[in-house]
Amino acid sequence: MKKSMLILACAAIAPFAFAQTSTTTTESTTAQNPVTTESSTTTTTTSTDGTVTTFEPGKTIVVRRTAADGPISYLLGKTVRYVNREGAEIKAERIRPGTRVHVYYDGTGETRTVNRIMVDE
């Protein structure tokens, strides 16, 4: 009888032993190289000197250059600084036709934008 109980107990436990599931975990790592782009902007400020022929504060200034044939028109940037020879700020109203100036600008051709005007006093 002991033997039959032992066989019956083993028979009852056997399905649990063979019914174990196995779990396999697979990890994959993908390395992504970020794309980096570098750009550089070079701004060259050019200057010229001459005599003002026309001046519209906030819009344009036309200067007859000493070394050129005709007058050149420049757009005034939004943050134009008006200074005297010592570098002190002056009011734009001091610039009139006939005033000698040094014009500092960026760009070429039709896109010359003034960032500073120095008045020769």
N, C-alpha and C. Protein backbone atom coordinates (compact mmCIF):
# COMPACT_ATOMS: atom_id res chain seq x y z
N MET A 1 0.80 -1.16 0.00
CA MET A 1 0.00 0.00 0.00
C MET A 1 0.88 1.27 0.00
N LYS A 2 1.94 1.22 0.75
CA LYS A 2 2.85 2.35 0.75
C LYS A 2 3.43 2.56 -0.64
N LYS A 3 3.69 1.49 -1.26
CA LYS A 3 4.28 1.56 -2.57
C LYS A 3 3.27 2.17 -3.55
N SER A 4 2.02 1.83 -3.48
CA SER A 4 1.01 2.38 -4.38
C SER A 4 0.82 3.87 -4.13
N MET A 5 0.86 4.29 -2.87
CA MET A 5 0.71 5.71 -2.55
C MET A 5 1.91 6.51 -3.09
N LEU A 6 3.05 5.96 -2.97
CA LEU A 6 4.25 6.62 -3.45
C LEU A 6 4.20 6.76 -4.98
N ILE A 7 3.77 5.75 -5.67
CA ILE A 7 3.67 5.80 -7.13
C ILE A 7 2.60 6.81 -7.53
N LEU A 8 1.50 6.80 -6.82
CA LEU A 8 0.42 7.74 -7.11
C LEU A 8 0.87 9.19 -6.87
N ALA A 9 1.62 9.44 -5.81
CA ALA A 9 2.13 10.78 -5.51
C ALA A 9 3.12 11.23 -6.58
N CYS A 10 3.99 10.34 -6.99
CA CYS A 10 4.97 10.68 -8.04
C CYS A 10 4.26 10.95 -9.36
N ALA A 11 3.24 10.18 -9.65
CA ALA A 11 2.48 10.36 -10.89
C ALA A 11 1.75 11.70 -10.87
N ALA A 12 1.29 12.13 -9.69
CA ALA A 12 0.56 13.40 -9.58
C ALA A 12 1.51 14.60 -9.70
N ILE A 13 2.72 14.47 -9.23
CA ILE A 13 3.69 15.57 -9.25
C ILE A 13 4.43 15.65 -10.58
N ALA A 14 4.57 14.58 -11.31
CA ALA A 14 5.35 14.52 -12.54
C ALA A 14 4.90 15.55 -13.59
N PRO A 15 3.61 15.78 -13.83
CA PRO A 15 3.24 16.77 -14.86
C PRO A 15 3.73 18.19 -14.52
N PHE A 16 3.78 18.51 -13.22
CA PHE A 16 4.25 19.85 -12.84
C PHE A 16 5.74 20.03 -13.12
N ALA A 17 6.50 18.98 -12.97
CA ALA A 17 7.94 19.06 -13.20
C ALA A 17 8.25 19.26 -14.68
N PHE A 18 7.50 18.59 -15.53
CA PHE A 18 7.75 18.69 -16.97
C PHE A 18 7.03 19.88 -17.62
N ALA A 19 6.12 20.53 -16.92
CA ALA A 19 5.35 21.64 -17.49
C ALA A 19 5.99 23.00 -17.26
N GLN A 20 7.21 23.05 -16.79
CA GLN A 20 7.88 24.33 -16.57
C GLN A 20 8.15 25.02 -17.91
N THR A 21 7.92 26.30 -17.92
CA THR A 21 8.19 27.05 -19.15
C THR A 21 9.54 27.76 -19.01
N SER A 22 10.19 27.89 -20.08
CA SER A 22 11.47 28.60 -20.04
C SER A 22 11.28 29.92 -20.77
N THR A 23 11.86 30.98 -20.22
CA THR A 23 11.77 32.32 -20.81
C THR A 23 13.15 32.75 -21.24
N THR A 24 13.24 33.17 -22.48
CA THR A 24 14.51 33.67 -23.00
C THR A 24 14.33 35.15 -23.31
N THR A 25 15.20 35.95 -22.75
CA THR A 25 15.15 37.40 -22.99
C THR A 25 16.31 37.78 -23.88
N THR A 26 15.99 38.44 -24.97
CA THR A 26 17.02 38.89 -25.89
C THR A 26 17.02 40.41 -25.90
N GLU A 27 18.17 40.97 -25.65
CA GLU A 27 18.30 42.42 -25.69
C GLU A 27 19.14 42.80 -26.90
N SER A 28 18.68 43.80 -27.61
CA SER A 28 19.49 44.30 -28.72
C SER A 28 19.64 45.80 -28.53
N THR A 29 20.82 46.25 -28.73
CA THR A 29 21.13 47.67 -28.60
C THR A 29 21.55 48.19 -29.95
N THR A 30 20.90 49.25 -30.37
CA THR A 30 21.25 49.87 -31.63
C THR A 30 21.88 51.22 -31.34
N ALA A 31 23.07 51.38 -31.77
CA ALA A 31 23.75 52.66 -31.56
C ALA A 31 23.48 53.55 -32.76
N GLN A 32 23.00 54.73 -32.47
CA GLN A 32 22.74 55.69 -33.54
C GLN A 32 23.75 56.81 -33.43
N ASN A 33 24.37 57.07 -34.52
CA ASN A 33 25.31 58.19 -34.55
C ASN A 33 24.53 59.45 -34.90
N PRO A 34 24.48 60.41 -33.99
CA PRO A 34 23.75 61.63 -34.32
C PRO A 34 24.47 62.40 -35.42
N VAL A 35 23.69 62.94 -36.30
CA VAL A 35 24.25 63.71 -37.39
C VAL A 35 24.50 65.13 -36.89
N THR A 36 25.73 65.54 -36.96
CA THR A 36 26.08 66.89 -36.53
C THR A 36 26.53 67.67 -37.74
N THR A 37 25.94 68.82 -37.88
CA THR A 37 26.39 69.70 -38.95
C THR A 37 26.88 70.99 -38.32
N GLU A 38 27.98 71.41 -38.80
CA GLU A 38 28.54 72.66 -38.30
C GLU A 38 28.47 73.68 -39.42
N SER A 39 28.03 74.84 -39.05
CA SER A 39 28.02 75.91 -40.03
C SER A 39 28.61 77.15 -39.39
N SER A 40 29.25 77.89 -40.18
CA SER A 40 29.82 79.13 -39.65
C SER A 40 29.43 80.26 -40.58
N THR A 41 29.16 81.37 -39.98
CA THR A 41 28.80 82.55 -40.73
C THR A 41 29.86 83.61 -40.49
N THR A 42 30.38 84.12 -41.54
CA THR A 42 31.37 85.16 -41.43
C THR A 42 30.75 86.47 -41.90
N THR A 43 30.78 87.44 -41.04
CA THR A 43 30.27 88.75 -41.40
C THR A 43 31.45 89.71 -41.50
N THR A 44 31.54 90.34 -42.64
CA THR A 44 32.62 91.28 -42.85
C THR A 44 32.02 92.68 -42.90
N THR A 45 32.53 93.53 -42.05
CA THR A 45 32.07 94.92 -42.05
C THR A 45 33.04 95.74 -42.89
N THR A 46 32.47 96.47 -43.83
CA THR A 46 33.25 97.30 -44.72
C THR A 46 32.95 98.75 -44.40
N SER A 47 33.89 99.62 -44.65
CA SER A 47 33.63 101.04 -44.41
C SER A 47 34.01 101.86 -45.63
N THR A 48 33.37 102.98 -45.72
CA THR A 48 33.68 103.94 -46.77
C THR A 48 33.48 105.33 -46.20
N ASP A 49 34.08 106.30 -46.82
CA ASP A 49 33.89 107.67 -46.33
C ASP A 49 33.47 108.56 -47.49
N GLY A 50 32.82 109.65 -47.13
CA GLY A 50 32.36 110.58 -48.16
C GLY A 50 31.47 111.65 -47.55
N THR A 51 30.71 112.29 -48.42
CA THR A 51 29.83 113.38 -48.02
C THR A 51 28.39 112.95 -48.23
N VAL A 52 27.56 113.21 -47.23
CA VAL A 52 26.14 112.84 -47.31
C VAL A 52 25.45 113.71 -48.35
N THR A 53 24.70 113.07 -49.27
CA THR A 53 23.89 113.82 -50.22
C THR A 53 22.42 113.75 -49.84
N THR A 54 21.98 112.60 -49.33
CA THR A 54 20.60 112.43 -48.88
C THR A 54 20.61 111.56 -47.63
N PHE A 55 19.77 111.92 -46.65
CA PHE A 55 19.69 111.13 -45.41
C PHE A 55 18.24 111.07 -44.95
N GLU A 56 17.71 109.85 -44.87
CA GLU A 56 16.36 109.61 -44.35
C GLU A 56 16.52 108.72 -43.12
N PRO A 57 16.45 109.29 -41.90
CA PRO A 57 16.64 108.48 -40.68
C PRO A 57 15.70 107.27 -40.67
N GLY A 58 16.28 106.12 -40.35
CA GLY A 58 15.50 104.89 -40.29
C GLY A 58 15.33 104.19 -41.63
N LYS A 59 15.78 104.84 -42.72
CA LYS A 59 15.59 104.24 -44.05
C LYS A 59 16.90 104.11 -44.82
N THR A 60 17.37 105.24 -45.36
CA THR A 60 18.56 105.19 -46.22
C THR A 60 19.47 106.39 -46.00
N ILE A 61 20.70 106.21 -46.46
CA ILE A 61 21.66 107.31 -46.52
C ILE A 61 22.37 107.17 -47.87
N VAL A 62 22.54 108.30 -48.55
CA VAL A 62 23.25 108.31 -49.82
C VAL A 62 24.52 109.13 -49.60
N VAL A 63 25.66 108.52 -49.94
CA VAL A 63 26.96 109.14 -49.70
C VAL A 63 27.73 109.23 -51.01
N ARG A 64 28.26 110.42 -51.27
CA ARG A 64 29.14 110.59 -52.43
C ARG A 64 30.55 110.31 -51.92
N ARG A 65 31.09 109.20 -52.37
CA ARG A 65 32.42 108.80 -51.91
C ARG A 65 33.50 109.66 -52.54
N THR A 66 34.56 109.83 -51.79
CA THR A 66 35.68 110.65 -52.25
C THR A 66 36.36 110.00 -53.45
N ALA A 67 36.53 108.69 -53.41
CA ALA A 67 37.29 107.98 -54.45
C ALA A 67 36.40 107.34 -55.50
N ALA A 68 35.12 107.67 -55.58
CA ALA A 68 34.23 107.01 -56.54
C ALA A 68 33.58 108.04 -57.47
N ASP A 69 33.00 107.52 -58.53
CA ASP A 69 32.37 108.39 -59.52
C ASP A 69 31.05 108.98 -59.03
N GLY A 70 30.17 108.14 -58.53
CA GLY A 70 28.84 108.63 -58.16
C GLY A 70 28.48 108.27 -56.73
N PRO A 71 27.33 108.77 -56.28
CA PRO A 71 26.89 108.48 -54.91
C PRO A 71 26.45 107.03 -54.76
N ILE A 72 26.56 106.52 -53.54
CA ILE A 72 26.17 105.14 -53.22
C ILE A 72 25.07 105.21 -52.17
N SER A 73 24.04 104.39 -52.35
CA SER A 73 22.92 104.34 -51.41
C SER A 73 23.09 103.14 -50.47
N TYR A 74 22.81 103.36 -49.20
CA TYR A 74 22.93 102.31 -48.18
C TYR A 74 21.62 102.22 -47.41
N LEU A 75 21.21 101.00 -47.06
CA LEU A 75 20.06 100.81 -46.18
C LEU A 75 20.52 100.97 -44.74
N LEU A 76 19.72 101.60 -43.92
CA LEU A 76 20.07 101.74 -42.51
C LEU A 76 19.52 100.55 -41.74
N GLY A 77 20.38 99.88 -40.97
CA GLY A 77 19.93 98.76 -40.14
C GLY A 77 19.06 99.27 -39.00
N LYS A 78 18.40 98.34 -38.32
CA LYS A 78 17.50 98.72 -37.22
C LYS A 78 18.26 99.22 -36.00
N THR A 79 19.52 98.86 -35.88
CA THR A 79 20.29 99.26 -34.70
C THR A 79 21.51 100.09 -35.08
N VAL A 80 21.33 101.03 -36.00
CA VAL A 80 22.44 101.88 -36.43
C VAL A 80 22.90 102.73 -35.26
N ARG A 81 24.22 102.81 -35.09
CA ARG A 81 24.81 103.69 -34.06
C ARG A 81 25.38 104.90 -34.78
N TYR A 82 25.03 106.07 -34.29
CA TYR A 82 25.56 107.33 -34.81
C TYR A 82 26.57 107.83 -33.79
N VAL A 83 27.83 107.99 -34.20
CA VAL A 83 28.89 108.38 -33.26
C VAL A 83 29.74 109.49 -33.87
N ASN A 84 30.47 110.20 -32.98
CA ASN A 84 31.44 111.18 -33.46
C ASN A 84 32.81 110.51 -33.50
N ARG A 85 33.85 111.25 -33.81
CA ARG A 85 35.21 110.67 -33.91
C ARG A 85 35.67 110.00 -32.63
N GLU A 86 35.25 110.53 -31.48
CA GLU A 86 35.67 109.97 -30.19
C GLU A 86 34.87 108.72 -29.82
N GLY A 87 33.84 108.39 -30.60
CA GLY A 87 33.03 107.21 -30.32
C GLY A 87 31.81 107.49 -29.46
N ALA A 88 31.59 108.77 -29.11
CA ALA A 88 30.42 109.13 -28.30
C ALA A 88 29.17 109.15 -29.18
N GLU A 89 28.07 108.63 -28.63
CA GLU A 89 26.80 108.61 -29.36
C GLU A 89 26.33 110.03 -29.66
N ILE A 90 25.80 110.23 -30.85
CA ILE A 90 25.20 111.51 -31.22
C ILE A 90 23.81 111.24 -31.78
N LYS A 91 23.01 112.27 -31.92
CA LYS A 91 21.66 112.12 -32.47
C LYS A 91 21.73 112.10 -33.99
N ALA A 92 20.82 111.34 -34.58
CA ALA A 92 20.77 111.21 -36.04
C ALA A 92 20.49 112.55 -36.71
N GLU A 93 19.82 113.45 -36.00
CA GLU A 93 19.46 114.76 -36.57
C GLU A 93 20.69 115.59 -36.93
N ARG A 94 21.84 115.26 -36.38
CA ARG A 94 23.07 116.02 -36.68
C ARG A 94 23.62 115.71 -38.07
N ILE A 95 23.08 114.66 -38.69
CA ILE A 95 23.54 114.28 -40.02
C ILE A 95 22.63 114.96 -41.05
N ARG A 96 23.25 115.78 -41.91
CA ARG A 96 22.52 116.51 -42.94
C ARG A 96 23.31 116.41 -44.25
N PRO A 97 22.68 116.76 -45.35
CA PRO A 97 23.44 116.81 -46.60
C PRO A 97 24.65 117.72 -46.45
N GLY A 98 25.80 117.25 -46.90
CA GLY A 98 27.04 118.00 -46.79
C GLY A 98 27.92 117.54 -45.63
N THR A 99 27.38 116.73 -44.72
CA THR A 99 28.14 116.24 -43.57
C THR A 99 29.13 115.17 -44.03
N ARG A 100 30.39 115.26 -43.57
CA ARG A 100 31.40 114.24 -43.88
C ARG A 100 31.22 113.08 -42.92
N VAL A 101 31.15 111.86 -43.44
CA VAL A 101 30.90 110.68 -42.61
C VAL A 101 31.76 109.50 -43.05
N HIS A 102 31.94 108.57 -42.12
CA HIS A 102 32.47 107.23 -42.39
C HIS A 102 31.30 106.29 -42.17
N VAL A 103 30.97 105.49 -43.17
CA VAL A 103 29.83 104.57 -43.10
C VAL A 103 30.38 103.16 -42.97
N TYR A 104 29.95 102.45 -41.92
CA TYR A 104 30.36 101.05 -41.69
C TYR A 104 29.15 100.18 -42.02
N TYR A 105 29.32 99.25 -42.96
CA TYR A 105 28.18 98.46 -43.43
C TYR A 105 28.56 97.00 -43.65
N ASP A 106 27.52 96.17 -43.72
CA ASP A 106 27.65 94.74 -44.03
C ASP A 106 26.97 94.50 -45.38
N GLY A 107 27.46 93.52 -46.11
CA GLY A 107 26.83 93.16 -47.37
C GLY A 107 27.49 93.84 -48.56
N THR A 108 26.97 93.47 -49.75
CA THR A 108 27.50 94.03 -50.99
C THR A 108 26.34 94.31 -51.93
N GLY A 109 26.62 95.00 -53.00
CA GLY A 109 25.60 95.26 -54.02
C GLY A 109 24.41 96.02 -53.46
N GLU A 110 23.23 95.51 -53.73
CA GLU A 110 21.99 96.15 -53.27
C GLU A 110 21.68 95.86 -51.81
N THR A 111 22.46 95.00 -51.17
CA THR A 111 22.17 94.61 -49.78
C THR A 111 23.17 95.20 -48.80
N ARG A 112 23.63 96.39 -49.04
CA ARG A 112 24.54 97.06 -48.10
C ARG A 112 23.71 97.62 -46.95
N THR A 113 23.92 97.10 -45.75
CA THR A 113 23.16 97.54 -44.58
C THR A 113 24.10 98.18 -43.58
N VAL A 114 23.83 99.44 -43.26
CA VAL A 114 24.68 100.22 -42.36
C VAL A 114 24.43 99.82 -40.92
N ASN A 115 25.52 99.64 -40.14
CA ASN A 115 25.38 99.37 -38.71
C ASN A 115 25.98 100.49 -37.86
N ARG A 116 26.81 101.37 -38.48
CA ARG A 116 27.39 102.49 -37.73
C ARG A 116 27.76 103.61 -38.68
N ILE A 117 27.49 104.83 -38.25
CA ILE A 117 27.89 106.01 -39.01
C ILE A 117 28.70 106.89 -38.07
N MET A 118 29.94 107.19 -38.49
CA MET A 118 30.79 108.07 -37.70
C MET A 118 30.89 109.42 -38.42
N VAL A 119 30.53 110.46 -37.70
CA VAL A 119 30.54 111.81 -38.26
C VAL A 119 31.92 112.44 -38.04
N ASP A 120 32.50 112.98 -39.11
CA ASP A 120 33.77 113.72 -38.99
C ASP A 120 33.44 115.12 -38.49
N GLU A 121 33.88 115.45 -37.32
CA GLU A 121 33.62 116.79 -36.76
C GLU A 121 34.91 117.52 -36.54
